[in-house]
Amino acid sequence: MSCGNLRVILKNVTKDFMIKRLKIVCGIFLILLFFCAQNLIPARYYRLLEKERKIFLGLRGIDSLAALTYLNLDSPTERVIFYKNYWQGKEAECEEFERCIEDADNLFAKYAPLSDDRIPVYVKYGPPSVRNIITPEKKIGVKIKEAIRDSSIEINGIEDLKFELQIGRFREERNLTRMEVYLSVEIEDTIDLKISRNIKIFDERDSFIIEKNDILIPQGEKEGTFLDEANFWLVPQRYRIEVAG
């Protein structure tokens, strides 16, 4: 490779390097300029008087360029003149604007007004037609205990209940017999009706052996039959069964 070609290559490499370096420097400069501009707004904002702050926040909602111009003016006198000239010939709109900035300040300017987008939106579009305030609440589980009251069921207007013993089956296990008693009773109207059933077992000498109580509940039919099953483990012998409701 000749010296002339080498010089051309080095010159091109140097040129590309300088262009890339210039782009990086420009990018850093733009970033710094952006952050400086962002920092200038809060600094200038907090130099304003209280009423001037409301005006600036309101102008951001309707005319951002006018808001920055108002913010960058050096003295309160200049800002008063600018504000009067801005609303000259628009007195009705100026009154509405001032009412809106007062309402927006009362509603949203307590914390971080510069970063609260609700203020310019409120000034631009006015108060909402419907406002729903949602307060977050932590759900708490509540456990309630209620004592069950003793109650009795009275059935009037019909004859005594007649339980019918359908079948008894016997199975032996470890010298005991499992007796299965199937009962049924027919009721004309079973809506909201509960029946208490009591089965007592006596031996041949009419000595009481065991009893079982249960509540029979229908399945929502207007007319139907209550079906019931009771199981007893007994020593094999003769027994007398007494069913009462």
Protein backbone atom coordinates (compact mmCIF):
# COMPACT_ATOMS: atom_id res chain seq x y z
CA MET A 1 0.00 0.00 0.00
CA SER A 2 1.38 3.37 -1.03
CA CYS A 3 1.81 6.32 1.33
CA GLY A 4 -0.80 8.32 -0.58
CA ASN A 5 -3.48 5.69 -0.11
CA LEU A 6 -2.60 5.38 3.59
CA ARG A 7 -2.99 9.13 4.05
CA VAL A 8 -6.45 9.01 2.41
CA ILE A 9 -7.58 6.14 4.66
CA LEU A 10 -6.32 7.88 7.81
CA LYS A 11 -8.02 11.10 6.72
CA ASN A 12 -11.36 9.31 6.21
CA VAL A 13 -11.08 7.51 9.57
CA THR A 14 -10.29 10.78 11.32
CA LYS A 15 -13.23 12.49 9.61
CA ASP A 16 -15.69 9.71 10.62
CA PHE A 17 -14.38 9.80 14.18
CA MET A 18 -14.84 13.57 14.39
CA ILE A 19 -18.40 13.32 13.02
CA LYS A 20 -19.35 10.66 15.60
CA ARG A 21 -17.72 12.66 18.35
CA LEU A 22 -19.60 15.79 17.27
CA LYS A 23 -22.92 13.88 17.33
CA ILE A 24 -22.24 12.62 20.85
CA VAL A 25 -21.35 16.12 22.06
CA CYS A 26 -24.49 17.60 20.47
CA GLY A 27 -26.64 14.90 22.05
CA ILE A 28 -25.20 15.55 25.49
CA PHE A 29 -25.67 19.29 24.99
CA LEU A 30 -29.35 18.86 24.04
CA ILE A 31 -29.96 16.63 27.06
CA LEU A 32 -28.35 19.18 29.38
CA LEU A 33 -30.34 21.97 27.74
CA PHE A 34 -33.57 20.02 28.26
CA PHE A 35 -32.87 19.42 31.95
CA CYS A 36 -31.84 23.03 32.45
CA ALA A 37 -35.09 24.21 30.87
CA GLN A 38 -37.05 21.84 33.09
CA ASN A 39 -35.25 23.15 36.16
CA LEU A 40 -35.79 26.78 35.15
CA ILE A 41 -39.59 26.44 35.17
CA PRO A 42 -39.88 25.47 38.87
CA ALA A 43 -37.33 28.10 39.85
CA ARG A 44 -39.20 30.85 38.02
CA TYR A 45 -42.60 29.53 39.12
CA TYR A 46 -41.79 29.79 42.83
CA ARG A 47 -40.62 33.40 42.31
CA LEU A 48 -44.16 34.36 41.25
CA LEU A 49 -46.74 35.80 43.58
CA GLU A 50 -49.60 33.56 44.68
CA LYS A 51 -52.09 35.02 42.19
CA GLU A 52 -49.48 34.91 39.41
CA ARG A 53 -48.93 31.20 40.03
CA LYS A 54 -52.63 30.53 39.51
CA ILE A 55 -52.57 32.54 36.26
CA PHE A 56 -49.51 30.66 34.97
CA LEU A 57 -51.01 27.24 35.72
CA GLY A 58 -54.25 28.27 34.06
CA LEU A 59 -52.54 29.64 30.94
CA ARG A 60 -50.75 26.31 30.50
CA GLY A 61 -54.16 24.74 29.90
CA ILE A 62 -55.25 27.13 27.14
CA ASP A 63 -52.05 28.63 25.66
CA SER A 64 -48.70 27.07 26.62
CA LEU A 65 -46.67 29.67 24.66
CA ALA A 66 -48.40 32.54 26.48
CA ALA A 67 -47.79 30.74 29.78
CA LEU A 68 -44.02 30.53 29.15
CA THR A 69 -43.92 34.16 28.03
CA TYR A 70 -45.75 35.19 31.20
CA LEU A 71 -43.38 33.12 33.33
CA ASN A 72 -40.22 34.59 31.79
CA LEU A 73 -41.18 38.24 32.32
CA ASP A 74 -38.89 39.96 34.79
CA SER A 75 -41.26 42.00 36.95
CA PRO A 76 -44.83 41.82 38.30
CA THR A 77 -45.63 45.04 36.42
CA GLU A 78 -44.72 43.45 33.09
CA ARG A 79 -46.84 40.42 33.93
CA VAL A 80 -49.86 42.60 34.78
CA ILE A 81 -49.54 44.44 31.46
CA PHE A 82 -49.15 41.18 29.54
CA TYR A 83 -52.16 39.66 31.28
CA LYS A 84 -54.39 42.68 30.52
CA ASN A 85 -53.31 42.75 26.88
CA TYR A 86 -53.91 39.01 26.54
CA TRP A 87 -57.55 39.27 27.66
CA GLN A 88 -58.26 42.66 26.07
CA GLY A 89 -61.71 42.60 24.45
CA LYS A 90 -62.53 39.21 26.04
CA GLU A 91 -63.81 40.27 29.44
CA ALA A 92 -66.41 37.46 29.72
CA GLU A 93 -63.81 34.82 28.88
CA CYS A 94 -61.40 36.41 31.36
CA GLU A 95 -63.98 36.17 34.15
CA GLU A 96 -64.61 32.50 33.35
CA PHE A 97 -60.86 31.87 33.26
CA GLU A 98 -60.32 33.46 36.67
CA ARG A 99 -63.20 31.48 38.15
CA CYS A 100 -61.75 28.25 36.78
CA ILE A 101 -58.23 28.91 38.06
CA GLU A 102 -59.59 29.62 41.54
CA ASP A 103 -61.57 26.36 41.55
CA ALA A 104 -58.63 24.40 40.15
CA ASP A 105 -56.32 25.88 42.77
CA ASN A 106 -58.67 24.87 45.59
CA LEU A 107 -59.12 21.36 44.22
CA PHE A 108 -55.70 20.33 42.90
CA ALA A 109 -52.94 22.79 43.88
CA LYS A 110 -52.22 21.53 47.38
CA TYR A 111 -49.48 19.09 46.32
CA ALA A 112 -47.09 19.38 43.33
CA PRO A 113 -49.19 21.75 41.19
CA LEU A 114 -46.60 21.90 38.40
CA SER A 115 -46.83 18.15 37.75
CA ASP A 116 -50.59 17.83 38.24
CA ASP A 117 -52.21 17.62 34.81
CA ARG A 118 -55.68 18.04 36.27
CA ILE A 119 -55.22 21.81 36.66
CA PRO A 120 -54.78 22.68 32.94
CA VAL A 121 -57.47 20.15 31.99
CA TYR A 122 -59.90 21.70 34.46
CA VAL A 123 -59.18 25.23 33.20
CA LYS A 124 -59.51 24.21 29.55
CA TYR A 125 -62.66 22.09 29.76
CA GLY A 126 -64.31 23.36 32.94
CA PRO A 127 -65.74 21.34 35.82
CA PRO A 128 -66.94 17.81 35.03
CA SER A 129 -70.67 17.19 34.70
CA VAL A 130 -70.39 14.17 37.02
CA ARG A 131 -67.75 13.67 39.69
CA ASN A 132 -67.30 10.29 41.32
CA ILE A 133 -65.08 10.28 44.39
CA ILE A 134 -63.74 6.78 45.07
CA THR A 135 -62.20 6.22 48.47
CA PRO A 136 -60.16 3.00 48.70
CA GLU A 137 -61.21 0.79 51.55
CA LYS A 138 -59.54 -2.25 52.98
CA LYS A 139 -61.87 -5.21 53.12
CA ILE A 140 -62.12 -6.71 56.56
CA GLY A 141 -63.63 -10.12 57.17
CA VAL A 142 -66.29 -10.21 59.83
CA LYS A 143 -67.26 -13.34 61.68
CA ILE A 144 -70.65 -13.33 63.35
CA LYS A 145 -71.86 -15.91 65.81
CA GLU A 146 -75.54 -16.26 66.57
CA ALA A 147 -77.08 -18.56 69.10
CA ILE A 148 -79.75 -20.84 67.65
CA ARG A 149 -83.03 -20.39 69.42
CA ASP A 150 -85.09 -23.38 70.49
CA SER A 151 -88.19 -23.65 68.37
CA SER A 152 -91.13 -25.96 67.98
CA ILE A 153 -93.21 -26.70 64.90
CA GLU A 154 -96.97 -26.81 65.09
CA ILE A 155 -99.06 -28.28 62.30
CA ASN A 156 -102.71 -27.32 62.45
CA GLY A 157 -105.68 -28.28 60.36
CA ILE A 158 -104.66 -31.88 59.57
CA GLU A 159 -104.90 -35.22 61.29
CA ASP A 160 -102.12 -36.83 63.28
CA LEU A 161 -99.10 -37.70 61.20
CA LYS A 162 -99.00 -41.36 60.29
CA PHE A 163 -95.53 -42.72 59.63
CA GLU A 164 -95.40 -45.87 57.56
CA LEU A 165 -92.67 -48.39 58.19
CA GLN A 166 -91.65 -49.57 54.75
CA ILE A 167 -88.95 -52.17 55.22
CA GLY A 168 -86.36 -53.39 57.69
CA ARG A 169 -83.14 -55.09 56.61
CA PHE A 170 -80.68 -56.81 58.86
CA ARG A 171 -76.94 -57.26 58.47
CA GLU A 172 -74.68 -58.94 60.98
CA GLU A 173 -71.25 -57.69 62.03
CA ARG A 174 -69.34 -58.76 65.14
CA ASN A 175 -72.39 -60.23 66.85
CA LEU A 176 -74.40 -57.07 66.14
CA THR A 177 -77.23 -56.52 63.72
CA ARG A 178 -77.58 -53.39 61.63
CA MET A 179 -81.25 -52.57 61.38
CA GLU A 180 -82.20 -50.13 58.63
CA VAL A 181 -85.56 -48.46 59.15
CA TYR A 182 -87.20 -46.69 56.18
CA LEU A 183 -90.04 -44.32 56.95
CA SER A 184 -92.32 -42.14 54.84
CA VAL A 185 -95.13 -39.69 55.49
CA GLU A 186 -97.29 -37.92 52.93
CA ILE A 187 -98.09 -34.22 53.33
CA GLU A 188 -100.43 -32.24 51.07
CA ASP A 189 -98.54 -28.93 51.36
CA THR A 190 -94.81 -29.13 52.06
CA ILE A 191 -93.82 -25.50 51.35
CA ASP A 192 -91.59 -24.14 54.15
CA LEU A 193 -92.43 -27.19 56.26
CA LYS A 194 -90.07 -29.10 58.52
CA ILE A 195 -91.01 -32.22 60.45
CA SER A 196 -89.28 -33.54 63.55
CA ARG A 197 -89.03 -37.35 63.60
CA ASN A 198 -88.26 -39.47 66.67
CA ILE A 199 -87.58 -43.22 66.62
CA LYS A 200 -87.38 -45.21 69.84
CA ILE A 201 -86.30 -48.85 70.14
CA PHE A 202 -87.58 -51.10 72.94
CA ASP A 203 -86.76 -54.76 73.63
CA GLU A 204 -89.26 -57.54 74.27
CA ARG A 205 -89.63 -56.48 77.93
CA ASP A 206 -90.40 -52.89 76.79
CA SER A 207 -87.10 -51.67 78.14
CA PHE A 208 -85.83 -48.59 76.35
CA ILE A 209 -82.72 -49.30 74.26
CA ILE A 210 -81.94 -46.32 71.99
CA GLU A 211 -83.56 -43.43 70.14
CA LYS A 212 -82.78 -41.13 67.21
CA ASN A 213 -84.16 -37.69 66.39
CA ASP A 214 -83.98 -36.01 62.99
CA ILE A 215 -85.53 -33.21 60.94
CA LEU A 216 -87.15 -34.23 57.66
CA ILE A 217 -86.98 -31.53 54.98
CA PRO A 218 -88.88 -31.71 51.68
CA GLN A 219 -87.39 -30.70 48.35
CA GLY A 220 -89.64 -27.69 47.68
CA GLU A 221 -92.56 -29.63 46.21
CA LYS A 222 -96.09 -28.51 46.96
CA GLU A 223 -97.21 -32.09 47.51
CA GLY A 224 -94.96 -34.98 48.26
CA THR A 225 -93.65 -37.62 50.58
CA PHE A 226 -91.05 -37.23 53.29
CA LEU A 227 -88.56 -40.09 53.03
CA ASP A 228 -86.34 -41.04 55.94
CA GLU A 229 -83.78 -43.68 56.81
CA ALA A 230 -82.39 -44.56 60.24
CA ASN A 231 -79.72 -47.15 61.09
CA PHE A 232 -79.25 -48.97 64.39
CA TRP A 233 -76.63 -51.49 65.49
CA LEU A 234 -78.34 -53.88 67.92
CA VAL A 235 -77.86 -57.26 69.52
CA PRO A 236 -79.91 -59.84 67.57
CA GLN A 237 -83.32 -60.26 69.24
CA ARG A 238 -86.90 -59.01 68.90
CA TYR A 239 -87.49 -55.26 69.19
CA ARG A 240 -90.41 -52.87 69.21
CA ILE A 241 -90.12 -49.70 67.15
CA GLU A 242 -91.96 -46.53 68.13
CA VAL A 243 -92.10 -43.66 65.64
CA ALA A 244 -93.37 -40.21 66.61
CA GLY A 245 -93.34 -36.79 64.95
